[in-house]
Amino acid sequence: MRFMMVMIPRVYQPDTPPGEKAGEGFAPPAEAVARMTKFNEELAKAGALIALDGLHPSSKGARVAFSGGKPKVTDGPFTEAKEVIGGYWMIEAKSKEEAVGWARRCPAADGDVIEVRQVFEMSDFPLDAREAADNPTVQPEIEKRKAS
């Protein structure tokens, strides 16, 4: 089973005090990166790591909201957001408990949160939905990524 572990770092959250919040030009400290790299290496050595990425603060992003069939673009930061994602890991695990076990081992900072969510597999969908998703352009790209 695949799981996504979503990092919700304290420094990205709207209610974080201004002096502790990730601002313009933010980059995590080298010590934090080194600890996280060691954790990522453990995931990779265990054969659990599929993909991972860190995200810039929402001040560098945009949101596209849909209402009445029309997209509305809002540039960040998103002050109305309750939680802002800072990165993710896509992992392979035998169970939710195993995935949560990996999340518990993460060298997260005080106040950080990791949400663990199982990823839908095609077999999770009813036949009509699987048939609707069967696309000759998309499927080979997905399989290519799985193989690499």
Protein backbone atom coordinates (compact mmCIF):
# COMPACT_ATOMS: atom_id res chain seq x y z
CA MET A 1 0.00 0.00 0.00
CA ARG A 2 1.11 3.51 -0.69
CA PHE A 3 0.81 6.28 1.85
CA MET A 4 1.46 9.99 1.67
CA MET A 5 2.96 11.57 4.74
CA VAL A 6 2.22 15.29 4.60
CA MET A 7 4.41 17.63 6.65
CA ILE A 8 2.56 20.57 8.19
CA PRO A 9 5.43 22.60 9.68
CA ARG A 10 4.80 25.04 12.50
CA VAL A 11 6.88 27.74 10.78
CA TYR A 12 4.39 27.83 7.84
CA GLN A 13 1.22 28.16 9.93
CA PRO A 14 -0.73 31.44 10.05
CA ASP A 15 -0.89 31.47 13.87
CA THR A 16 2.90 31.15 14.31
CA PRO A 17 4.36 34.31 15.93
CA PRO A 18 5.92 36.64 13.31
CA GLY A 19 9.49 36.19 14.59
CA GLU A 20 9.23 32.40 14.25
CA LYS A 21 7.36 32.24 10.93
CA ALA A 22 9.01 31.30 7.62
CA GLY A 23 9.26 34.53 5.68
CA GLU A 24 10.73 35.71 2.40
CA GLY A 25 13.92 33.85 1.54
CA PHE A 26 13.21 31.10 4.07
CA ALA A 27 15.27 27.93 3.95
CA PRO A 28 15.44 25.36 6.73
CA PRO A 29 18.66 25.39 8.79
CA ALA A 30 21.42 23.00 7.67
CA GLU A 31 21.16 21.00 10.93
CA ALA A 32 17.44 20.33 10.31
CA VAL A 33 18.17 19.37 6.70
CA ALA A 34 20.90 16.96 7.83
CA ARG A 35 18.54 15.26 10.35
CA MET A 36 15.79 15.00 7.73
CA THR A 37 18.24 13.64 5.14
CA LYS A 38 19.24 10.87 7.57
CA PHE A 39 15.56 9.99 8.06
CA ASN A 40 15.01 10.01 4.28
CA GLU A 41 18.03 7.72 3.88
CA GLU A 42 16.48 5.27 6.38
CA LEU A 43 13.26 5.26 4.35
CA ALA A 44 15.22 4.63 1.14
CA LYS A 45 17.37 1.85 2.63
CA ALA A 46 14.23 0.12 3.93
CA GLY A 47 12.74 0.23 0.41
CA ALA A 48 9.84 2.35 1.63
CA LEU A 49 10.62 5.65 -0.10
CA ILE A 50 8.83 6.31 -3.40
CA ALA A 51 9.11 10.11 -3.63
CA LEU A 52 9.57 13.19 -1.48
CA ASP A 53 9.70 16.95 -1.86
CA GLY A 54 9.74 20.05 0.29
CA LEU A 55 7.65 23.07 -0.63
CA HIS A 56 8.38 26.78 -0.49
CA PRO A 57 6.20 28.88 1.85
CA SER A 58 2.72 29.72 0.59
CA SER A 59 3.85 33.32 -0.01
CA LYS A 60 5.44 31.99 -3.21
CA GLY A 61 2.35 30.03 -4.23
CA ALA A 62 -1.12 30.55 -5.62
CA ARG A 63 -4.51 28.95 -5.10
CA VAL A 64 -7.02 28.33 -7.83
CA ALA A 65 -10.57 28.06 -6.45
CA PHE A 66 -13.54 27.00 -8.54
CA SER A 67 -17.03 28.40 -8.13
CA GLY A 68 -19.80 28.46 -10.68
CA GLY A 69 -17.48 26.79 -13.19
CA LYS A 70 -14.99 29.67 -13.10
CA PRO A 71 -11.49 29.58 -11.66
CA LYS A 72 -10.39 32.36 -9.30
CA VAL A 73 -6.65 32.75 -8.63
CA THR A 74 -5.37 34.05 -5.29
CA ASP A 75 -1.66 34.64 -4.77
CA GLY A 76 -0.15 33.59 -1.44
CA PRO A 77 0.28 33.89 1.41
CA PHE A 78 -3.02 32.34 2.39
CA THR A 79 -3.92 34.01 5.67
CA GLU A 80 -7.28 32.20 5.87
CA ALA A 81 -5.63 28.78 5.76
CA LYS A 82 -5.69 26.79 8.99
CA GLU A 83 -2.82 24.50 7.96
CA VAL A 84 -0.19 24.94 5.27
CA ILE A 85 1.70 21.99 3.76
CA GLY A 86 5.49 22.18 3.80
CA GLY A 87 6.35 18.94 2.02
CA TYR A 88 5.52 15.29 1.61
CA TRP A 89 6.83 11.75 1.38
CA MET A 90 5.22 9.03 -0.72
CA ILE A 91 6.04 5.71 0.92
CA GLU A 92 5.26 2.02 0.53
CA ALA A 93 4.08 0.29 3.71
CA LYS A 94 2.27 -2.93 4.56
CA SER A 95 -0.27 -1.13 6.77
CA LYS A 96 -1.37 2.21 8.16
CA GLU A 97 0.37 1.26 11.40
CA GLU A 98 3.68 0.80 9.58
CA ALA A 99 3.26 4.16 7.81
CA VAL A 100 2.44 5.87 11.13
CA GLY A 101 5.54 4.20 12.57
CA TRP A 102 7.65 5.92 9.92
CA ALA A 103 5.98 9.26 10.65
CA ARG A 104 6.73 8.84 14.37
CA ARG A 105 10.45 8.42 13.56
CA CYS A 106 10.64 11.70 11.62
CA PRO A 107 12.92 14.33 13.21
CA ALA A 108 10.18 16.95 13.13
CA ALA A 109 10.43 20.22 15.06
CA ASP A 110 8.21 21.12 18.01
CA GLY A 111 4.76 22.06 16.76
CA ASP A 112 5.12 20.27 13.39
CA VAL A 113 2.41 17.80 12.36
CA ILE A 114 2.59 14.90 9.91
CA GLU A 115 -0.65 13.68 8.41
CA VAL A 116 -0.58 10.09 7.09
CA ARG A 117 -3.05 9.23 4.31
CA GLN A 118 -3.43 6.08 2.25
CA VAL A 119 -3.28 6.62 -1.51
CA PHE A 120 -6.09 5.25 -3.67
CA GLU A 121 -5.10 2.37 -5.91
CA MET A 122 -7.10 1.58 -9.04
CA SER A 123 -8.32 -1.60 -7.34
CA ASP A 124 -10.02 0.59 -4.69
CA PHE A 125 -12.46 1.96 -7.30
CA PRO A 126 -15.53 0.29 -8.75
CA LEU A 127 -15.21 -1.09 -12.29
CA ASP A 128 -16.93 1.87 -13.97
CA ALA A 129 -14.50 4.32 -12.34
CA ARG A 130 -11.50 2.15 -13.33
CA GLU A 131 -12.78 2.12 -16.92
CA ALA A 132 -13.23 5.92 -16.85
CA ALA A 133 -9.64 6.31 -15.63
CA ASP A 134 -8.16 3.94 -18.23
CA ASN A 135 -6.33 6.45 -20.42
CA PRO A 136 -3.63 5.42 -22.93
CA THR A 137 -1.71 8.68 -22.46
CA VAL A 138 -1.79 8.89 -18.66
CA GLN A 139 -1.33 5.24 -17.68
CA PRO A 140 2.10 4.75 -19.34
CA GLU A 141 3.41 7.85 -17.55
CA ILE A 142 2.18 6.53 -14.21
CA GLU A 143 3.76 3.13 -14.85
CA LYS A 144 7.03 4.81 -15.90
CA ARG A 145 7.21 6.69 -12.60
CA LYS A 146 6.45 3.53 -10.60
CA ALA A 147 9.30 1.71 -12.38
CA SER A 148 11.92 4.41 -11.74
